[in-house]
C-alpha atoms as a PDB file:
ATOM      1  CA  MET A   1     -50.726  64.170  32.755  1.00  0.00           C
ATOM      2  CA  THR A   2     -51.280  67.787  33.127  1.00  0.00           C
ATOM      3  CA  ALA A   3     -52.563  69.944  29.692  1.00  0.00           C
ATOM      4  CA  GLN A   4     -49.635  71.038  27.922  1.00  0.00           C
ATOM      5  CA  ILE A   5     -48.684  74.777  27.457  1.00  0.00           C
ATOM      6  CA  SER A   6     -48.820  75.271  23.721  1.00  0.00           C
ATOM      7  CA  GLU A   7     -45.948  75.959  21.305  1.00  0.00           C
ATOM      8  CA  ARG A   8     -47.122  79.752  19.430  1.00  0.00           C
ATOM      9  CA  LEU A   9     -47.475  79.775  15.873  1.00  0.00           C
ATOM     10  CA  ILE A  10     -47.708  83.379  14.228  1.00  0.00           C
ATOM     11  CA  PHE A  11     -49.889  82.329  10.875  1.00  0.00           C
ATOM     12  CA  GLU A  12     -51.518  84.617   8.790  1.00  0.00           C
ATOM     13  CA  GLY A  13     -50.618  87.832  11.166  1.00  0.00           C
ATOM     14  CA  GLN A  14     -51.751  86.481  14.742  1.00  0.00           C
ATOM     15  CA  GLN A  15     -50.150  84.840  16.542  1.00  0.00           C
ATOM     16  CA  VAL A  16     -52.088  81.772  17.870  1.00  0.00           C
ATOM     17  CA  ALA A  17     -51.430  78.464  20.037  1.00  0.00           C
ATOM     18  CA  LEU A  18     -49.715  75.804  18.246  1.00  0.00           C
ATOM     19  CA  LEU A  19     -51.015  71.948  19.326  1.00  0.00           C
ATOM     20  CA  ALA A  20     -48.056  69.973  17.830  1.00  0.00           C
ATOM     21  CA  ASN A  21     -44.179  69.723  18.974  1.00  0.00           C
ATOM     22  CA  PRO A  22     -41.975  70.142  15.668  1.00  0.00           C
ATOM     23  CA  LEU A  23     -39.239  70.385  17.403  1.00  0.00           C
ATOM     24  CA  SER A  24     -39.509  66.690  18.818  1.00  0.00           C
ATOM     25  CA  ASP A  25     -39.271  65.273  15.656  1.00  0.00           C
ATOM     26  CA  TYR A  26     -36.128  67.039  14.758  1.00  0.00           C
ATOM     27  CA  PHE A  27     -34.789  65.526  18.135  1.00  0.00           C
ATOM     28  CA  ALA A  28     -36.027  61.938  16.971  1.00  0.00           C
ATOM     29  CA  LEU A  29     -34.248  61.757  13.896  1.00  0.00           C
ATOM     30  CA  GLY A  30     -31.271  62.408  15.738  1.00  0.00           C
ATOM     31  CA  GLY A  31     -30.895  66.200  16.394  1.00  0.00           C
ATOM     32  CA  ARG A  32     -28.993  68.181  18.751  1.00  0.00           C
ATOM     33  CA  ASP A  33     -31.077  67.599  21.880  1.00  0.00           C
ATOM     34  CA  PRO A  34     -29.140  69.783  24.925  1.00  0.00           C
ATOM     35  CA  GLY A  35     -31.322  68.454  27.522  1.00  0.00           C
ATOM     36  CA  PHE A  36     -34.085  70.740  28.184  1.00  0.00           C
ATOM     37  CA  GLN A  37     -35.405  70.296  32.091  1.00  0.00           C
ATOM     38  CA  SER A  38     -39.040  70.354  32.672  1.00  0.00           C
ATOM     39  CA  THR A  39     -40.075  72.948  35.232  1.00  0.00           C
ATOM     40  CA  SER A  40     -43.455  72.513  35.372  1.00  0.00           C
ATOM     41  CA  THR A  41     -46.048  69.913  34.725  1.00  0.00           C
ATOM     42  CA  ALA A  42     -47.366  71.887  32.562  1.00  0.00           C
ATOM     43  CA  LEU A  43     -44.501  72.018  30.242  1.00  0.00           C
ATOM     44  CA  TRP A  44     -42.956  68.389  30.193  1.00  0.00           C
ATOM     45  CA  ARG A  45     -41.064  68.892  27.228  1.00  0.00           C
ATOM     46  CA  GLY A  46     -39.114  71.635  29.013  1.00  0.00           C
ATOM     47  CA  TYR A  47     -39.163  73.995  26.039  1.00  0.00           C
ATOM     48  CA  VAL A  48     -41.803  76.562  24.544  1.00  0.00           C
ATOM     49  CA  GLY A  49     -40.880  77.181  20.458  1.00  0.00           C
ATOM     50  CA  THR A  50     -42.499  79.968  18.472  1.00  0.00           C
ATOM     51  CA  TRP A  51     -42.819  79.657  14.800  1.00  0.00           C
ATOM     52  CA  GLN A  52     -43.710  81.437  11.859  1.00  0.00           C
ATOM     53  CA  VAL A  53     -45.434  80.193   8.779  1.00  0.00           C
ATOM     54  CA  THR A  54     -43.717  82.251   5.579  1.00  0.00           C
ATOM     55  CA  GLU A  55     -44.789  81.948   2.534  1.00  0.00           C
ATOM     56  CA  ASP A  56     -45.985  78.538   2.798  1.00  0.00           C
ATOM     57  CA  ARG A  57     -43.188  77.733   5.100  1.00  0.00           C
ATOM     58  CA  LEU A  58     -42.396  76.877   8.680  1.00  0.00           C
ATOM     59  CA  TYR A  59     -39.831  78.414  10.537  1.00  0.00           C
ATOM     60  CA  LEU A  60     -38.378  78.075  14.187  1.00  0.00           C
ATOM     61  CA  VAL A  61     -38.028  81.518  15.367  1.00  0.00           C
ATOM     62  CA  GLU A  62     -37.518  81.627  18.944  1.00  0.00           C
ATOM     63  CA  LEU A  63     -37.129  78.569  21.467  1.00  0.00           C
ATOM     64  CA  GLN A  64     -37.599  79.361  25.486  1.00  0.00           C
ATOM     65  CA  GLY A  65     -36.164  76.730  27.991  1.00  0.00           C
ATOM     66  CA  LEU A  66     -34.333  75.582  30.878  1.00  0.00           C
ATOM     67  CA  LEU A  67     -31.150  73.721  30.792  1.00  0.00           C
ATOM     68  CA  ARG A  68     -30.399  70.625  32.966  1.00  0.00           C
ATOM     69  CA  SER A  69     -27.582  73.028  33.575  1.00  0.00           C
ATOM     70  CA  GLY A  70     -28.967  75.595  34.788  1.00  0.00           C
ATOM     71  CA  GLU A  71     -28.754  78.124  31.680  1.00  0.00           C
ATOM     72  CA  GLU A  72     -31.202  79.587  29.613  1.00  0.00           C
ATOM     73  CA  ALA A  73     -31.741  78.231  26.463  1.00  0.00           C
ATOM     74  CA  CYS A  74     -32.363  79.652  22.783  1.00  0.00           C
ATOM     75  CA  LEU A  75     -32.808  79.208  19.260  1.00  0.00           C
ATOM     76  CA  ALA A  76     -28.650  78.973  18.789  1.00  0.00           C
ATOM     77  CA  THR A  77     -28.880  76.474  21.667  1.00  0.00           C
ATOM     78  CA  VAL A  78     -29.721  74.123  19.213  1.00  0.00           C
ATOM     79  CA  PHE A  79     -28.945  75.089  16.429  1.00  0.00           C
ATOM     80  CA  PRO A  80     -25.219  76.851  16.870  1.00  0.00           C
ATOM     81  CA  GLY A  81     -24.887  79.441  13.820  1.00  0.00           C
ATOM     82  CA  PHE A  82     -28.820  80.365  13.468  1.00  0.00           C
ATOM     83  CA  ALA A  83     -30.093  82.835  15.958  1.00  0.00           C
ATOM     84  CA  ASP A  84     -32.847  84.557  14.004  1.00  0.00           C
ATOM     85  CA  ARG A  85     -35.031  81.565  12.533  1.00  0.00           C
ATOM     86  CA  VAL A  86     -34.309  77.989  11.243  1.00  0.00           C
ATOM     87  CA  PHE A  87     -36.197  76.147   8.415  1.00  0.00           C
ATOM     88  CA  ALA A  88     -38.241  73.187   9.506  1.00  0.00           C
ATOM     89  CA  HIS A  89     -37.045  70.651   6.647  1.00  0.00           C
ATOM     90  CA  TRP A  90     -37.175  67.888   8.985  1.00  0.00           C
ATOM     91  CA  PHE A  91     -40.785  68.619   9.489  1.00  0.00           C
ATOM     92  CA  SER A  92     -44.083  66.569   7.949  1.00  0.00           C
ATOM     93  CA  GLY A  93     -47.120  66.102   9.642  1.00  0.00           C
ATOM     94  CA  ARG A  94     -50.054  67.661  10.941  1.00  0.00           C
ATOM     95  CA  LEU A  95     -50.291  71.244  12.846  1.00  0.00           C
ATOM     96  CA  ARG A  96     -53.381  71.754  14.646  1.00  0.00           C
ATOM     97  CA  ILE A  97     -54.436  75.182  15.683  1.00  0.00           C
ATOM     98  CA  PRO A  98     -57.601  75.524  17.891  1.00  0.00           C
ATOM     99  CA  GLN A  99     -60.229  78.093  16.730  1.00  0.00           C
ATOM    100  CA  GLY A 100     -63.267  79.240  18.730  1.00  0.00           C
ATOM    101  CA  LYS A 101     -64.109  78.838  22.058  1.00  0.00           C
ATOM    102  CA  ARG A 102     -63.679  75.648  23.984  1.00  0.00           C
ATOM    103  CA  LEU A 103     -66.180  72.180  23.928  1.00  0.00           C
ATOM    104  CA  ALA A 104     -64.516  69.999  26.472  1.00  0.00           C
ATOM    105  CA  TYR A 105     -61.386  70.580  28.677  1.00  0.00           C
ATOM    106  CA  VAL A 106     -59.283  66.993  29.053  1.00  0.00           C
ATOM    107  CA  HIS A 107     -56.664  67.582  31.751  1.00  0.00           C
ATOM    108  CA  MET A 108     -53.522  65.962  29.464  1.00  0.00           C
ATOM    109  CA  GLY A 109     -51.487  66.981  27.021  1.00  0.00           C
ATOM    110  CA  TYR A 110     -53.322  69.014  24.022  1.00  0.00           C
ATOM    111  CA  GLY A 111     -56.693  66.772  24.675  1.00  0.00           C
ATOM    112  CA  SER A 112     -59.211  70.018  24.877  1.00  0.00           C
ATOM    113  CA  THR A 113     -61.744  70.231  21.985  1.00  0.00           C
ATOM    114  CA  HIS A 114     -62.694  73.540  20.759  1.00  0.00           C
ATOM    115  CA  GLU A 115     -65.496  74.841  17.963  1.00  0.00           C
ATOM    116  CA  ARG A 116     -63.035  74.464  15.234  1.00  0.00           C
ATOM    117  CA  ASP A 117     -59.660  72.879  14.353  1.00  0.00           C
ATOM    118  CA  LEU A 118     -57.037  74.303  11.674  1.00  0.00           C
ATOM    119  CA  PHE A 119     -55.031  71.517  10.567  1.00  0.00           C
ATOM    120  CA  LEU A 120     -51.684  72.723   8.160  1.00  0.00           C
ATOM    121  CA  THR A 121     -50.245  69.903   6.720  1.00  0.00           C
ATOM    122  CA  LEU A 122     -46.536  69.886   5.523  1.00  0.00           C
ATOM    123  CA  GLU A 123     -44.006  68.082   3.798  1.00  0.00           C
ATOM    124  CA  ASN A 124     -40.102  68.609   4.425  1.00  0.00           C
ATOM    125  CA  GLY A 125     -41.389  72.256   6.001  1.00  0.00           C
ATOM    126  CA  VAL A 126     -43.647  73.080   3.067  1.00  0.00           C
ATOM    127  CA  VAL A 127     -47.066  73.521   3.703  1.00  0.00           C
ATOM    128  CA  VAL A 128     -49.174  71.802   1.529  1.00  0.00           C
ATOM    129  CA  ALA A 129     -52.791  71.780   2.293  1.00  0.00           C
ATOM    130  CA  GLN A 130     -55.174  73.209   5.025  1.00  0.00           C
ATOM    131  CA  GLU A 131     -58.277  71.997   6.590  1.00  0.00           C
ATOM    132  CA  VAL A 132     -61.045  73.222   8.734  1.00  0.00           C
ATOM    133  CA  ARG A 133     -62.392  70.929  10.839  1.00  0.00           C
ATOM    134  CA  ILE A 134     -65.740  72.092  12.791  1.00  0.00           C
ATOM    135  CA  ASN A 135     -66.292  70.305  16.189  1.00  0.00           C
ATOM    136  CA  GLY A 136     -69.757  71.929  17.179  1.00  0.00           C
ATOM    137  CA  GLN A 137     -70.658  75.570  18.938  1.00  0.00           C
ATOM    138  CA  ALA A 138     -69.657  76.438  21.887  1.00  0.00           C
ATOM    139  CA  PRO A 139     -72.546  78.289  25.045  1.00  0.00           C
ATOM    140  CA  GLU A 140     -72.264  81.790  25.122  1.00  0.00           C
ATOM    141  CA  ASP A 141     -70.100  81.261  28.791  1.00  0.00           C
ATOM    142  CA  ALA A 142     -67.145  78.725  27.065  1.00  0.00           C
ATOM    143  CA  ALA A 143     -64.076  79.806  27.776  1.00  0.00           C
ATOM    144  CA  ASP A 144     -62.332  81.588  24.541  1.00  0.00           C
ATOM    145  CA  GLY A 145     -59.662  79.413  22.619  1.00  0.00           C
ATOM    146  CA  TYR A 146     -56.656  77.992  23.490  1.00  0.00           C
ATOM    147  CA  SER A 147     -54.850  80.581  25.877  1.00  0.00           C
ATOM    148  CA  ILE A 148     -51.240  81.181  24.944  1.00  0.00           C
ATOM    149  CA  GLY A 149     -50.017  81.318  28.222  1.00  0.00           C
ATOM    150  CA  ALA A 150     -47.243  83.114  29.997  1.00  0.00           C
ATOM    151  CA  ARG A 151     -44.297  80.035  30.706  1.00  0.00           C
ATOM    152  CA  THR A 152     -45.405  79.083  34.477  1.00  0.00           C
ATOM    153  CA  THR A 153     -42.358  77.434  35.862  1.00  0.00           C
ATOM    154  CA  TRP A 154     -40.529  76.527  38.892  1.00  0.00           C
ATOM    155  CA  PRO A 155     -37.151  76.803  39.776  1.00  0.00           C
ATOM    156  CA  ALA A 156     -34.920  73.622  39.610  1.00  0.00           C
ATOM    157  CA  ARG A 157     -34.012  72.504  43.117  1.00  0.00           C
ATOM    158  CA  LYS A 158     -30.187  71.667  43.959  1.00  0.00           C
ATOM    159  CA  GLY A 159     -29.860  68.413  42.836  1.00  0.00           C
ATOM    160  CA  GLY A 160     -31.021  68.866  39.874  1.00  0.00           C
ATOM    161  CA  GLY A 161     -35.045  68.054  40.095  1.00  0.00           C
ATOM    162  CA  THR A 162     -38.043  70.166  40.039  1.00  0.00           C
ATOM    163  CA  ALA A 163     -40.290  71.855  42.266  1.00  0.00           C
END
């Protein structure tokens, strides 16, 4: 599996990479999955969510992706009537935010290691704890952080496959 494009998180006034997929929990709990199409090996889930922590609450504030029908997805695609943001009350678990330079690249999922990881622990969408894990110090010439790249995708082939 290819290293994956991260979700995005607005936290303490900055946009950072989020190495977790809270929306997957929503779908696993029976939430309406509109049928995202993977258009890149770096984006198997088929979408990128932008999340925001406001007053210790996690919100989904933007959703980008392509549906199997060929339509562009947005927040209202999954949550009709909620065009601006949705409180992630379904999510309980840990969110991982990589910090600092990259120590080791892993060409799989979110497996790369960075100098630090900030973990946010949530219960029903509310941040209840924060923890920083120190993983080591990178050499001066190491790559900076986990880039929040643009969605690199290829158009769908006729017949529904991906390129």
